[in-house]
PDB file of N, CA and C in Angstrom:
ATOM      1  N   UNK A   1      26.621  55.494 -32.994  1.00  0.00           N
ATOM      2  CA  UNK A   1      25.777  56.644 -33.128  1.00  0.00           C
ATOM      3  C   UNK A   1      24.412  56.275 -32.524  1.00  0.00           C
ATOM      4  N   UNK A   2      23.844  57.087 -31.585  1.00  0.00           N
ATOM      5  CA  UNK A   2      22.585  56.929 -31.106  1.00  0.00           C
ATOM      6  C   UNK A   2      21.477  57.778 -31.685  1.00  0.00           C
ATOM      7  N   UNK A   3      20.416  57.201 -32.144  1.00  0.00           N
ATOM      8  CA  UNK A   3      19.238  57.941 -32.641  1.00  0.00           C
ATOM      9  C   UNK A   3      18.210  58.048 -31.728  1.00  0.00           C
ATOM     10  N   UNK A   4      17.618  59.095 -31.502  1.00  0.00           N
ATOM     11  CA  UNK A   4      16.495  59.301 -30.697  1.00  0.00           C
ATOM     12  C   UNK A   4      15.194  58.969 -31.539  1.00  0.00           C
ATOM     13  N   UNK A   5      14.365  58.100 -30.956  1.00  0.00           N
ATOM     14  CA  UNK A   5      13.125  57.778 -31.532  1.00  0.00           C
ATOM     15  C   UNK A   5      11.891  58.444 -30.949  1.00  0.00           C
ATOM     16  N   UNK A   6      10.938  58.851 -31.650  1.00  0.00           N
ATOM     17  CA  UNK A   6       9.747  59.405 -31.136  1.00  0.00           C
ATOM     18  C   UNK A   6       8.965  58.360 -30.338  1.00  0.00           C
ATOM     19  N   UNK A   7       8.251  58.804 -29.257  1.00  0.00           N
ATOM     20  CA  UNK A   7       7.515  57.986 -28.565  1.00  0.00           C
ATOM     21  C   UNK A   7       6.110  57.950 -29.245  1.00  0.00           C
ATOM     22  N   UNK A   8       5.792  57.136 -30.294  1.00  0.00           N
ATOM     23  CA  UNK A   8       4.671  56.999 -31.060  1.00  0.00           C
ATOM     24  C   UNK A   8       3.907  55.838 -30.689  1.00  0.00           C
ATOM     25  N   UNK A   9       2.837  55.969 -30.004  1.00  0.00           N
ATOM     26  CA  UNK A   9       2.054  54.936 -29.429  1.00  0.00           C
ATOM     27  C   UNK A   9       1.228  54.104 -30.463  1.00  0.00           C
ATOM     28  N   UNK A  10       1.033  54.667 -31.582  1.00  0.00           N
ATOM     29  CA  UNK A  10       0.168  54.180 -32.621  1.00  0.00           C
ATOM     30  C   UNK A  10       0.803  53.245 -33.551  1.00  0.00           C
ATOM     31  N   UNK A  11       0.222  52.107 -33.804  1.00  0.00           N
ATOM     32  CA  UNK A  11       0.849  51.190 -34.795  1.00  0.00           C
ATOM     33  C   UNK A  11       0.362  51.499 -36.178  1.00  0.00           C
ATOM     34  N   UNK A  12       0.914  50.829 -37.225  1.00  0.00           N
ATOM     35  CA  UNK A  12       0.476  51.184 -38.574  1.00  0.00           C
ATOM     36  C   UNK A  12      -0.999  50.726 -38.732  1.00  0.00           C
ATOM     37  N   UNK A  13      -1.320  49.642 -38.063  1.00  0.00           N
ATOM     38  CA  UNK A  13      -2.700  49.072 -38.232  1.00  0.00           C
ATOM     39  C   UNK A  13      -3.784  50.032 -37.615  1.00  0.00           C
ATOM     40  N   UNK A  14      -3.415  50.604 -36.501  1.00  0.00           N
ATOM     41  CA  UNK A  14      -4.214  51.607 -35.909  1.00  0.00           C
ATOM     42  C   UNK A  14      -4.412  52.914 -36.740  1.00  0.00           C
ATOM     43  N   UNK A  15      -3.326  53.394 -37.313  1.00  0.00           N
ATOM     44  CA  UNK A  15      -3.439  54.575 -38.121  1.00  0.00           C
ATOM     45  C   UNK A  15      -4.219  54.245 -39.359  1.00  0.00           C
ATOM     46  N   UNK A  16      -4.040  53.037 -40.071  1.00  0.00           N
ATOM     47  CA  UNK A  16      -4.838  52.751 -41.176  1.00  0.00           C
ATOM     48  C   UNK A  16      -6.247  52.560 -40.863  1.00  0.00           C
ATOM     49  N   UNK A  17      -6.583  51.929 -39.771  1.00  0.00           N
ATOM     50  CA  UNK A  17      -8.000  51.716 -39.359  1.00  0.00           C
ATOM     51  C   UNK A  17      -8.595  53.212 -39.153  1.00  0.00           C
ATOM     52  N   UNK A  18      -7.906  54.113 -38.537  1.00  0.00           N
ATOM     53  CA  UNK A  18      -8.566  55.399 -38.310  1.00  0.00           C
ATOM     54  C   UNK A  18      -8.646  56.186 -39.579  1.00  0.00           C
ATOM     55  N   UNK A  19      -7.740  56.008 -40.434  1.00  0.00           N
ATOM     56  CA  UNK A  19      -7.890  56.767 -41.871  1.00  0.00           C
ATOM     57  C   UNK A  19      -8.955  56.120 -42.507  1.00  0.00           C
ATOM     58  N   UNK A  20      -9.220  54.816 -42.501  1.00  0.00           N
ATOM     59  CA  UNK A  20     -10.302  54.250 -43.337  1.00  0.00           C
ATOM     60  C   UNK A  20     -11.582  54.671 -42.747  1.00  0.00           C
ATOM     61  N   UNK A  21     -11.719  54.668 -41.366  1.00  0.00           N
ATOM     62  CA  UNK A  21     -12.907  55.039 -40.712  1.00  0.00           C
ATOM     63  C   UNK A  21     -13.198  56.467 -41.091  1.00  0.00           C
ATOM     64  N   UNK A  22     -12.369  57.346 -40.953  1.00  0.00           N
ATOM     65  CA  UNK A  22     -12.496  58.733 -41.348  1.00  0.00           C
ATOM     66  C   UNK A  22     -12.939  58.945 -42.809  1.00  0.00           C
ATOM     67  N   UNK A  23     -12.300  58.123 -43.650  1.00  0.00           N
ATOM     68  CA  UNK A  23     -12.686  58.321 -45.038  1.00  0.00           C
ATOM     69  C   UNK A  23     -14.233  57.899 -45.276  1.00  0.00           C
ATOM     70  N   UNK A  24     -14.668  56.854 -44.547  1.00  0.00           N
ATOM     71  CA  UNK A  24     -16.054  56.367 -44.668  1.00  0.00           C
ATOM     72  C   UNK A  24     -17.009  57.498 -44.087  1.00  0.00           C
ATOM     73  N   UNK A  25     -16.584  58.072 -42.937  1.00  0.00           N
ATOM     74  CA  UNK A  25     -17.340  59.250 -42.436  1.00  0.00           C
ATOM     75  C   UNK A  25     -17.434  60.384 -43.360  1.00  0.00           C
ATOM     76  N   UNK A  26     -16.397  60.813 -43.894  1.00  0.00           N
ATOM     77  CA  UNK A  26     -16.271  61.906 -44.905  1.00  0.00           C
ATOM     78  C   UNK A  26     -17.181  61.626 -46.082  1.00  0.00           C
ATOM     79  N   UNK A  27     -17.185  60.348 -46.576  1.00  0.00           N
ATOM     80  CA  UNK A  27     -17.966  60.028 -47.762  1.00  0.00           C
ATOM     81  C   UNK A  27     -19.491  60.051 -47.310  1.00  0.00           C
ATOM     82  N   UNK A  28     -19.841  59.723 -46.055  1.00  0.00           N
ATOM     83  CA  UNK A  28     -21.233  59.809 -45.624  1.00  0.00           C
ATOM     84  C   UNK A  28     -21.656  61.303 -45.484  1.00  0.00           C
ATOM     85  N   UNK A  29     -20.639  62.089 -44.951  1.00  0.00           N
ATOM     86  CA  UNK A  29     -21.131  63.484 -44.851  1.00  0.00           C
ATOM     87  C   UNK A  29     -21.283  64.126 -46.331  1.00  0.00           C
ATOM     88  N   UNK A  30     -20.500  63.790 -47.243  1.00  0.00           N
ATOM     89  CA  UNK A  30     -20.659  64.215 -48.567  1.00  0.00           C
ATOM     90  C   UNK A  30     -21.873  63.884 -49.122  1.00  0.00           C
ATOM     91  N   UNK A  31     -22.138  62.480 -48.994  1.00  0.00           N
ATOM     92  CA  UNK A  31     -23.439  62.001 -49.614  1.00  0.00           C
ATOM     93  C   UNK A  31     -24.762  62.661 -48.911  1.00  0.00           C
ATOM     94  N   UNK A  32     -24.698  62.997 -47.659  1.00  0.00           N
ATOM     95  CA  UNK A  32     -25.798  63.613 -46.944  1.00  0.00           C
ATOM     96  C   UNK A  32     -25.820  65.020 -47.308  1.00  0.00           C
ATOM     97  N   UNK A  33     -24.649  65.685 -47.365  1.00  0.00           N
ATOM     98  CA  UNK A  33     -24.584  67.291 -47.623  1.00  0.00           C
ATOM     99  C   UNK A  33     -25.022  67.499 -48.992  1.00  0.00           C
ATOM    100  N   UNK A  34     -24.901  66.702 -50.023  1.00  0.00           N
ATOM    101  CA  UNK A  34     -25.188  67.141 -51.391  1.00  0.00           C
ATOM    102  C   UNK A  34     -26.488  66.445 -51.631  1.00  0.00           C
ATOM    103  N   UNK A  35     -27.125  65.815 -50.794  1.00  0.00           N
ATOM    104  CA  UNK A  35     -28.458  65.285 -51.062  1.00  0.00           C
ATOM    105  C   UNK A  35     -28.369  64.161 -52.108  1.00  0.00           C
ATOM    106  N   UNK A  36     -27.318  63.406 -52.011  1.00  0.00           N
ATOM    107  CA  UNK A  36     -27.226  62.230 -52.958  1.00  0.00           C
ATOM    108  C   UNK A  36     -27.867  60.987 -52.447  1.00  0.00           C
ATOM    109  N   UNK A  37     -28.377  60.981 -51.173  1.00  0.00           N
ATOM    110  CA  UNK A  37     -28.943  59.726 -50.500  1.00  0.00           C
ATOM    111  C   UNK A  37     -30.158  59.330 -51.348  1.00  0.00           C
ATOM    112  N   UNK A  38     -30.924  60.229 -51.785  1.00  0.00           N
ATOM    113  CA  UNK A  38     -32.131  59.770 -52.634  1.00  0.00           C
ATOM    114  C   UNK A  38     -31.652  59.356 -54.040  1.00  0.00           C
ATOM    115  N   UNK A  39     -30.624  59.706 -54.531  1.00  0.00           N
ATOM    116  CA  UNK A  39     -30.149  59.323 -55.858  1.00  0.00           C
ATOM    117  C   UNK A  39     -29.537  58.000 -55.759  1.00  0.00           C
ATOM    118  N   UNK A  40     -28.638  57.732 -54.726  1.00  0.00           N
ATOM    119  CA  UNK A  40     -27.852  56.590 -54.438  1.00  0.00           C
ATOM    120  C   UNK A  40     -28.242  55.797 -53.149  1.00  0.00           C
ATOM    121  N   UNK A  41     -29.413  55.266 -52.919  1.00  0.00           N
ATOM    122  CA  UNK A  41     -29.885  54.759 -51.734  1.00  0.00           C
ATOM    123  C   UNK A  41     -29.017  53.557 -51.322  1.00  0.00           C
ATOM    124  N   UNK A  42     -28.788  52.563 -52.226  1.00  0.00           N
ATOM    125  CA  UNK A  42     -28.115  51.387 -51.892  1.00  0.00           C
ATOM    126  C   UNK A  42     -26.627  51.638 -51.635  1.00  0.00           C
ATOM    127  N   UNK A  43     -26.024  52.514 -52.330  1.00  0.00           N
ATOM    128  CA  UNK A  43     -24.638  52.849 -52.128  1.00  0.00           C
ATOM    129  C   UNK A  43     -24.501  53.496 -50.775  1.00  0.00           C
ATOM    130  N   UNK A  44     -25.360  54.316 -50.437  1.00  0.00           N
ATOM    131  CA  UNK A  44     -25.288  55.019 -49.065  1.00  0.00           C
ATOM    132  C   UNK A  44     -25.503  53.955 -48.005  1.00  0.00           C
ATOM    133  N   UNK A  45     -26.464  53.170 -48.151  1.00  0.00           N
ATOM    134  CA  UNK A  45     -26.721  52.162 -47.148  1.00  0.00           C
ATOM    135  C   UNK A  45     -25.490  51.166 -47.009  1.00  0.00           C
ATOM    136  N   UNK A  46     -24.783  50.832 -48.145  1.00  0.00           N
ATOM    137  CA  UNK A  46     -23.748  49.926 -48.111  1.00  0.00           C
ATOM    138  C   UNK A  46     -22.539  50.688 -47.318  1.00  0.00           C
ATOM    139  N   UNK A  47     -22.347  51.904 -47.487  1.00  0.00           N
ATOM    140  CA  UNK A  47     -21.295  52.617 -46.801  1.00  0.00           C
ATOM    141  C   UNK A  47     -21.587  52.808 -45.358  1.00  0.00           C
ATOM    142  N   UNK A  48     -22.893  52.986 -44.945  1.00  0.00           N
ATOM    143  CA  UNK A  48     -23.178  53.112 -43.574  1.00  0.00           C
ATOM    144  C   UNK A  48     -22.878  51.743 -42.931  1.00  0.00           C
ATOM    145  N   UNK A  49     -23.389  50.705 -43.643  1.00  0.00           N
ATOM    146  CA  UNK A  49     -23.301  49.325 -43.065  1.00  0.00           C
ATOM    147  C   UNK A  49     -21.732  48.848 -42.877  1.00  0.00           C
ATOM    148  N   UNK A  50     -20.889  49.319 -43.759  1.00  0.00           N
ATOM    149  CA  UNK A  50     -19.540  48.993 -43.903  1.00  0.00           C
ATOM    150  C   UNK A  50     -18.832  49.863 -42.604  1.00  0.00           C
ATOM    151  N   UNK A  51     -19.282  51.045 -42.512  1.00  0.00           N
ATOM    152  CA  UNK A  51     -18.696  51.753 -41.344  1.00  0.00           C
ATOM    153  C   UNK A  51     -18.943  51.243 -40.003  1.00  0.00           C
ATOM    154  N   UNK A  52     -20.235  50.862 -39.820  1.00  0.00           N
ATOM    155  CA  UNK A  52     -20.881  50.163 -38.583  1.00  0.00           C
ATOM    156  C   UNK A  52     -20.052  48.882 -38.350  1.00  0.00           C
ATOM    157  N   UNK A  53     -19.883  48.021 -39.433  1.00  0.00           N
ATOM    158  CA  UNK A  53     -19.212  46.811 -39.266  1.00  0.00           C
ATOM    159  C   UNK A  53     -17.665  47.029 -38.928  1.00  0.00           C
ATOM    160  N   UNK A  54     -17.059  47.962 -39.520  1.00  0.00           N
ATOM    161  CA  UNK A  54     -15.664  48.329 -39.112  1.00  0.00           C
ATOM    162  C   UNK A  54     -15.515  48.704 -37.678  1.00  0.00           C
ATOM    163  N   UNK A  55     -16.417  49.565 -37.288  1.00  0.00           N
ATOM    164  CA  UNK A  55     -16.585  50.055 -35.812  1.00  0.00           C
ATOM    165  C   UNK A  55     -16.789  48.826 -34.854  1.00  0.00           C
ATOM    166  N   UNK A  56     -17.682  47.900 -35.255  1.00  0.00           N
ATOM    167  CA  UNK A  56     -18.094  46.908 -34.315  1.00  0.00           C
ATOM    168  C   UNK A  56     -16.958  45.908 -34.233  1.00  0.00           C
ATOM    169  N   UNK A  57     -16.301  45.576 -35.365  1.00  0.00           N
ATOM    170  CA  UNK A  57     -15.170  44.774 -35.318  1.00  0.00           C
ATOM    171  C   UNK A  57     -14.016  45.359 -34.479  1.00  0.00           C
ATOM    172  N   UNK A  58     -13.744  46.611 -34.484  1.00  0.00           N
ATOM    173  CA  UNK A  58     -12.703  47.267 -33.726  1.00  0.00           C
ATOM    174  C   UNK A  58     -13.063  47.180 -32.255  1.00  0.00           C
ATOM    175  N   UNK A  59     -14.327  47.401 -31.983  1.00  0.00           N
ATOM    176  CA  UNK A  59     -14.720  47.492 -30.455  1.00  0.00           C
ATOM    177  C   UNK A  59     -14.748  45.929 -29.955  1.00  0.00           C
ATOM    178  N   UNK A  60     -15.122  44.872 -30.727  1.00  0.00           N
ATOM    179  CA  UNK A  60     -15.211  43.541 -30.224  1.00  0.00           C
ATOM    180  C   UNK A  60     -13.899  42.707 -30.269  1.00  0.00           C
ATOM    181  N   UNK A  61     -12.909  43.261 -30.960  1.00  0.00           N
ATOM    182  CA  UNK A  61     -11.715  42.512 -31.207  1.00  0.00           C
ATOM    183  C   UNK A  61     -11.123  42.490 -29.735  1.00  0.00           C
ATOM    184  N   UNK A  62     -10.595  41.287 -29.281  1.00  0.00           N
ATOM    185  CA  UNK A  62     -10.081  41.049 -28.021  1.00  0.00           C
ATOM    186  C   UNK A  62     -11.035  40.810 -26.927  1.00  0.00           C
ATOM    187  N   UNK A  63     -12.314  41.105 -27.120  1.00  0.00           N
ATOM    188  CA  UNK A  63     -13.257  40.826 -26.136  1.00  0.00           C
ATOM    189  C   UNK A  63     -13.989  39.549 -26.346  1.00  0.00           C
ATOM    190  N   UNK A  64     -13.966  39.126 -27.621  1.00  0.00           N
ATOM    191  CA  UNK A  64     -14.592  37.843 -28.001  1.00  0.00           C
ATOM    192  C   UNK A  64     -13.603  36.793 -28.284  1.00  0.00           C
ATOM    193  N   UNK A  65     -13.775  35.440 -28.205  1.00  0.00           N
ATOM    194  CA  UNK A  65     -12.909  34.459 -28.749  1.00  0.00           C
ATOM    195  C   UNK A  65     -12.742  34.610 -30.222  1.00  0.00           C
ATOM    196  N   UNK A  66     -11.631  34.340 -30.689  1.00  0.00           N
ATOM    197  CA  UNK A  66     -11.277  34.384 -32.165  1.00  0.00           C
ATOM    198  C   UNK A  66     -12.318  33.651 -33.031  1.00  0.00           C
ATOM    199  N   UNK A  67     -12.666  32.381 -32.609  1.00  0.00           N
ATOM    200  CA  UNK A  67     -13.553  31.676 -33.363  1.00  0.00           C
ATOM    201  C   UNK A  67     -14.976  32.364 -33.517  1.00  0.00           C
ATOM    202  N   UNK A  68     -15.415  32.929 -32.373  1.00  0.00           N
ATOM    203  CA  UNK A  68     -16.751  33.619 -32.376  1.00  0.00           C
ATOM    204  C   UNK A  68     -16.683  34.862 -33.238  1.00  0.00           C
ATOM    205  N   UNK A  69     -15.610  35.608 -33.098  1.00  0.00           N
ATOM    206  CA  UNK A  69     -15.247  36.748 -33.938  1.00  0.00           C
ATOM    207  C   UNK A  69     -15.306  36.436 -35.403  1.00  0.00           C
ATOM    208  N   UNK A  70     -14.608  35.350 -35.606  1.00  0.00           N
ATOM    209  CA  UNK A  70     -14.645  34.910 -37.070  1.00  0.00           C
ATOM    210  C   UNK A  70     -15.924  34.558 -37.699  1.00  0.00           C
ATOM    211  N   UNK A  71     -16.702  33.920 -36.844  1.00  0.00           N
ATOM    212  CA  UNK A  71     -18.055  33.466 -37.229  1.00  0.00           C
ATOM    213  C   UNK A  71     -18.995  34.784 -37.370  1.00  0.00           C
ATOM    214  N   UNK A  72     -18.769  35.708 -36.808  1.00  0.00           N
ATOM    215  CA  UNK A  72     -19.542  36.987 -36.825  1.00  0.00           C
ATOM    216  C   UNK A  72     -19.293  37.676 -38.129  1.00  0.00           C
ATOM    217  N   UNK A  73     -17.974  37.964 -38.233  1.00  0.00           N
ATOM    218  CA  UNK A  73     -17.605  38.986 -39.212  1.00  0.00           C
ATOM    219  C   UNK A  73     -17.069  38.321 -40.609  1.00  0.00           C
ATOM    220  N   UNK A  74     -16.653  37.122 -40.662  1.00  0.00           N
ATOM    221  CA  UNK A  74     -16.227  36.533 -41.998  1.00  0.00           C
ATOM    222  C   UNK A  74     -17.358  36.165 -42.996  1.00  0.00           C
ATOM    223  N   UNK A  75     -18.486  35.745 -42.505  1.00  0.00           N
ATOM    224  CA  UNK A  75     -19.581  35.444 -43.535  1.00  0.00           C
ATOM    225  C   UNK A  75     -20.159  36.696 -44.183  1.00  0.00           C
ATOM    226  N   UNK A  76     -20.099  37.834 -43.710  1.00  0.00           N
ATOM    227  CA  UNK A  76     -20.689  39.034 -44.158  1.00  0.00           C
ATOM    228  C   UNK A  76     -19.964  39.383 -45.460  1.00  0.00           C
ATOM    229  N   UNK A  77     -20.693  39.701 -46.527  1.00  0.00           N
ATOM    230  CA  UNK A  77     -20.075  40.127 -47.720  1.00  0.00           C
ATOM    231  C   UNK A  77     -19.722  41.527 -47.566  1.00  0.00           C
ATOM    232  N   UNK A  78     -18.552  41.994 -48.162  1.00  0.00           N
ATOM    233  CA  UNK A  78     -18.139  43.345 -48.160  1.00  0.00           C
ATOM    234  C   UNK A  78     -18.569  44.146 -49.197  1.00  0.00           C
TER     235      UNK A  78
END
């Protein structure tokens, strides 16, 4: 019996990355929309930095040697 498979170009890692990044963006919009930035400035700053770090790591992966990439992203606390 032959099953037809969908031509799905996205891996599980890509889907999880996109969902995580989208969740961080939604959280930032909620914090900005409800004017919670003044109430939780450090939490908001940490969410923004985490989203930027996630985006930078995705953009730089494969363009830098693995040792350099590890030195840039591993020492940062999450």
